[in-house]
Each structure stands twice: as structure tokens, then as C-alpha cells.
Amino acid sequence: LESATIEVGAKVGENGKIFGSVSNVQVAEALETAGFAIERKKIKLLGEAIKTVGTYKAEVIVHKDIKLTIDFKVVEA
């Protein structure tokens, strides 16, 4: 999971800003596409609201005592 390449697609305007923002729901969907079934409530986005394309971090609870920090990319869909 830590070494997986996770990409979240988003609608992007001309200036590189996302329409709306990326949430743990989109990250959960991207993880599932990559073969990892993680509930959205077990994913916590780290940092400020995600409103532009780029690389971000999220904390994933894989077990009650095990938390991983993953990187994911927000890309133009």
C-alpha cells in the first residue's frame, strides 16, 4: 500500500484549480481501483483542503493499531 501509485482524477480549470475539492471519498475510490478496499472513514487527508493538482498525503488506518501514511496524486480527469 505504501509503495502503490494512487491517482485521483478531478475536473480542473484553466488555472490548475480543481472544481470543488478532493475528499477521502475520492481517495477511497482510487485505492479500490488500485486493489485496496479501504473504507473512506479510515482515510484522513493530511494538510489543507485539496484544491489543485499535485501530490498529497493521507493517513490510512489498516487495523486498529496500524496506521500508514500514503502519497497520492491529484491529476486532471
N, C-alpha and C. Protein backbone atom coordinates (compact mmCIF):
# COMPACT_ATOMS: atom_id res chain seq x y z
N LEU A 1 0.83 -1.21 0.00
CA LEU A 1 0.00 0.00 0.00
C LEU A 1 0.86 1.25 0.00
N GLU A 2 1.92 1.25 0.80
CA GLU A 2 2.77 2.45 0.86
C GLU A 2 3.49 2.72 -0.46
N SER A 3 3.78 1.68 -1.22
CA SER A 3 4.52 1.87 -2.47
C SER A 3 3.61 1.95 -3.69
N ALA A 4 2.30 1.81 -3.49
CA ALA A 4 1.36 1.85 -4.62
C ALA A 4 1.26 3.26 -5.18
N THR A 5 1.01 3.35 -6.48
CA THR A 5 0.78 4.64 -7.13
C THR A 5 -0.72 4.87 -7.18
N ILE A 6 -1.15 5.87 -6.43
CA ILE A 6 -2.58 6.18 -6.34
C ILE A 6 -2.82 7.51 -7.03
N GLU A 7 -3.73 7.52 -8.01
CA GLU A 7 -4.07 8.75 -8.71
C GLU A 7 -5.56 9.02 -8.57
N VAL A 8 -5.87 10.25 -8.19
CA VAL A 8 -7.26 10.69 -8.06
C VAL A 8 -7.53 11.67 -9.19
N GLY A 9 -8.49 11.36 -10.03
CA GLY A 9 -8.84 12.25 -11.13
C GLY A 9 -9.81 13.32 -10.68
N ALA A 10 -9.62 14.54 -11.17
CA ALA A 10 -10.51 15.65 -10.80
C ALA A 10 -10.69 16.58 -11.99
N LYS A 11 -11.85 17.22 -12.06
CA LYS A 11 -12.07 18.23 -13.10
C LYS A 11 -11.29 19.48 -12.72
N VAL A 12 -10.51 19.98 -13.68
CA VAL A 12 -9.59 21.08 -13.41
C VAL A 12 -9.87 22.22 -14.37
N GLY A 13 -9.83 23.45 -13.85
CA GLY A 13 -10.00 24.63 -14.69
C GLY A 13 -8.69 25.03 -15.35
N GLU A 14 -8.72 26.12 -16.11
CA GLU A 14 -7.55 26.58 -16.85
C GLU A 14 -6.37 26.93 -15.96
N ASN A 15 -6.64 27.39 -14.75
CA ASN A 15 -5.57 27.82 -13.85
C ASN A 15 -5.03 26.69 -12.97
N GLY A 16 -5.42 25.45 -13.23
CA GLY A 16 -4.93 24.32 -12.45
C GLY A 16 -5.69 24.06 -11.18
N LYS A 17 -6.74 24.84 -10.92
CA LYS A 17 -7.54 24.64 -9.72
C LYS A 17 -8.65 23.64 -9.99
N ILE A 18 -8.94 22.85 -8.97
CA ILE A 18 -9.98 21.83 -9.06
C ILE A 18 -11.34 22.49 -8.82
N PHE A 19 -12.34 22.01 -9.55
CA PHE A 19 -13.72 22.43 -9.27
C PHE A 19 -14.15 21.69 -8.01
N GLY A 20 -14.32 22.41 -6.90
CA GLY A 20 -14.61 21.78 -5.61
C GLY A 20 -13.31 21.41 -4.94
N SER A 21 -13.28 20.27 -4.26
CA SER A 21 -12.05 19.79 -3.63
C SER A 21 -12.07 18.27 -3.58
N VAL A 22 -10.93 17.68 -3.32
CA VAL A 22 -10.81 16.23 -3.23
C VAL A 22 -11.05 15.83 -1.77
N SER A 23 -11.82 14.77 -1.57
CA SER A 23 -12.11 14.29 -0.22
C SER A 23 -11.65 12.84 -0.06
N ASN A 24 -11.84 12.33 1.15
CA ASN A 24 -11.46 10.94 1.42
C ASN A 24 -12.29 9.96 0.59
N VAL A 25 -13.46 10.38 0.11
CA VAL A 25 -14.29 9.52 -0.73
C VAL A 25 -13.57 9.21 -2.04
N GLN A 26 -13.02 10.25 -2.68
CA GLN A 26 -12.31 10.05 -3.95
C GLN A 26 -11.03 9.23 -3.74
N VAL A 27 -10.36 9.45 -2.61
CA VAL A 27 -9.15 8.67 -2.31
C VAL A 27 -9.52 7.20 -2.10
N ALA A 28 -10.61 6.93 -1.39
CA ALA A 28 -11.06 5.55 -1.17
C ALA A 28 -11.37 4.88 -2.51
N GLU A 29 -12.02 5.61 -3.42
CA GLU A 29 -12.34 5.05 -4.74
C GLU A 29 -11.07 4.75 -5.53
N ALA A 30 -10.08 5.65 -5.46
CA ALA A 30 -8.81 5.42 -6.16
C ALA A 30 -8.07 4.23 -5.57
N LEU A 31 -8.11 4.09 -4.24
CA LEU A 31 -7.47 2.93 -3.60
C LEU A 31 -8.15 1.64 -4.04
N GLU A 32 -9.47 1.66 -4.13
CA GLU A 32 -10.18 0.45 -4.56
C GLU A 32 -9.83 0.08 -5.99
N THR A 33 -9.70 1.08 -6.85
CA THR A 33 -9.29 0.84 -8.24
C THR A 33 -7.91 0.20 -8.29
N ALA A 34 -7.04 0.58 -7.34
CA ALA A 34 -5.69 0.03 -7.28
C ALA A 34 -5.64 -1.33 -6.56
N GLY A 35 -6.80 -1.81 -6.09
CA GLY A 35 -6.85 -3.13 -5.47
C GLY A 35 -6.85 -3.13 -3.96
N PHE A 36 -7.09 -1.98 -3.33
CA PHE A 36 -7.10 -1.88 -1.87
C PHE A 36 -8.48 -1.43 -1.41
N ALA A 37 -9.19 -2.30 -0.71
CA ALA A 37 -10.53 -1.96 -0.22
C ALA A 37 -10.40 -1.34 1.17
N ILE A 38 -10.43 -0.02 1.22
CA ILE A 38 -10.32 0.72 2.48
C ILE A 38 -11.55 1.61 2.60
N GLU A 39 -12.24 1.54 3.73
CA GLU A 39 -13.41 2.39 3.94
C GLU A 39 -12.99 3.85 4.02
N ARG A 40 -13.83 4.74 3.49
CA ARG A 40 -13.50 6.17 3.47
C ARG A 40 -13.29 6.74 4.87
N LYS A 41 -14.02 6.21 5.86
CA LYS A 41 -13.87 6.74 7.22
C LYS A 41 -12.52 6.37 7.84
N LYS A 42 -11.79 5.46 7.21
CA LYS A 42 -10.46 5.09 7.70
C LYS A 42 -9.35 5.84 6.98
N ILE A 43 -9.73 6.85 6.20
CA ILE A 43 -8.76 7.66 5.45
C ILE A 43 -8.87 9.10 5.92
N LYS A 44 -7.74 9.65 6.34
CA LYS A 44 -7.70 11.04 6.80
C LYS A 44 -6.71 11.80 5.92
N LEU A 45 -7.21 12.82 5.22
CA LEU A 45 -6.33 13.64 4.40
C LEU A 45 -5.50 14.54 5.30
N LEU A 46 -4.22 14.64 5.01
CA LEU A 46 -3.31 15.44 5.83
C LEU A 46 -3.09 16.79 5.16
N GLY A 47 -3.06 17.84 5.95
CA GLY A 47 -2.82 19.17 5.40
C GLY A 47 -4.12 19.90 5.12
N GLU A 48 -4.01 20.94 4.31
CA GLU A 48 -5.16 21.78 3.98
C GLU A 48 -6.05 21.14 2.93
N ALA A 49 -7.18 21.78 2.65
CA ALA A 49 -8.11 21.29 1.62
C ALA A 49 -7.38 21.17 0.28
N ILE A 50 -7.70 20.12 -0.45
CA ILE A 50 -7.03 19.85 -1.72
C ILE A 50 -7.82 20.51 -2.84
N LYS A 51 -7.25 21.56 -3.41
CA LYS A 51 -7.95 22.33 -4.44
C LYS A 51 -7.14 22.50 -5.72
N THR A 52 -5.94 21.90 -5.79
CA THR A 52 -5.13 21.97 -7.01
C THR A 52 -4.54 20.59 -7.30
N VAL A 53 -4.10 20.39 -8.55
CA VAL A 53 -3.43 19.13 -8.88
C VAL A 53 -2.08 19.10 -8.16
N GLY A 54 -1.59 17.90 -7.88
CA GLY A 54 -0.31 17.76 -7.20
C GLY A 54 -0.27 16.49 -6.38
N THR A 55 0.76 16.36 -5.56
CA THR A 55 0.94 15.19 -4.71
C THR A 55 0.60 15.56 -3.27
N TYR A 56 -0.15 14.69 -2.62
CA TYR A 56 -0.63 14.93 -1.26
C TYR A 56 -0.42 13.68 -0.41
N LYS A 57 -0.68 13.81 0.88
CA LYS A 57 -0.54 12.70 1.82
C LYS A 57 -1.86 12.43 2.52
N ALA A 58 -2.06 11.16 2.87
CA ALA A 58 -3.23 10.75 3.63
C ALA A 58 -2.80 9.69 4.63
N GLU A 59 -3.48 9.67 5.76
CA GLU A 59 -3.25 8.63 6.76
C GLU A 59 -4.35 7.58 6.58
N VAL A 60 -3.93 6.32 6.52
CA VAL A 60 -4.87 5.22 6.32
C VAL A 60 -4.77 4.28 7.52
N ILE A 61 -5.92 3.99 8.12
CA ILE A 61 -5.97 3.04 9.23
C ILE A 61 -6.26 1.67 8.62
N VAL A 62 -5.26 0.78 8.64
CA VAL A 62 -5.45 -0.55 8.06
C VAL A 62 -5.87 -1.57 9.11
N HIS A 63 -5.63 -1.25 10.37
CA HIS A 63 -6.02 -2.07 11.51
C HIS A 63 -6.09 -1.12 12.68
N LYS A 64 -6.77 -1.49 13.75
CA LYS A 64 -6.94 -0.52 14.84
C LYS A 64 -5.61 -0.02 15.40
N ASP A 65 -4.56 -0.79 15.30
CA ASP A 65 -3.25 -0.38 15.81
C ASP A 65 -2.25 -0.05 14.71
N ILE A 66 -2.67 -0.09 13.46
CA ILE A 66 -1.73 0.14 12.35
C ILE A 66 -2.23 1.27 11.46
N LYS A 67 -1.42 2.34 11.39
CA LYS A 67 -1.72 3.48 10.52
C LYS A 67 -0.56 3.66 9.56
N LEU A 68 -0.88 3.91 8.31
CA LEU A 68 0.13 4.17 7.29
C LEU A 68 -0.10 5.56 6.70
N THR A 69 0.98 6.20 6.31
CA THR A 69 0.88 7.45 5.57
C THR A 69 1.19 7.13 4.12
N ILE A 70 0.26 7.47 3.24
CA ILE A 70 0.45 7.20 1.81
C ILE A 70 0.52 8.52 1.04
N ASP A 71 1.16 8.46 -0.11
CA ASP A 71 1.17 9.59 -1.04
C ASP A 71 0.16 9.27 -2.14
N PHE A 72 -0.52 10.30 -2.62
CA PHE A 72 -1.39 10.13 -3.77
C PHE A 72 -1.33 11.39 -4.62
N LYS A 73 -1.58 11.20 -5.90
CA LYS A 73 -1.53 12.32 -6.84
C LYS A 73 -2.94 12.70 -7.27
N VAL A 74 -3.18 14.00 -7.33
CA VAL A 74 -4.42 14.50 -7.91
C VAL A 74 -4.06 14.94 -9.32
N VAL A 75 -4.75 14.35 -10.30
CA VAL A 75 -4.46 14.62 -11.70
C VAL A 75 -5.73 15.07 -12.42
N GLU A 76 -5.55 15.70 -13.57
CA GLU A 76 -6.69 16.14 -14.35
C GLU A 76 -7.41 14.94 -14.94
N ALA A 77 -8.72 14.91 -14.77
CA ALA A 77 -9.51 13.77 -15.27
C ALA A 77 -9.99 14.04 -16.69
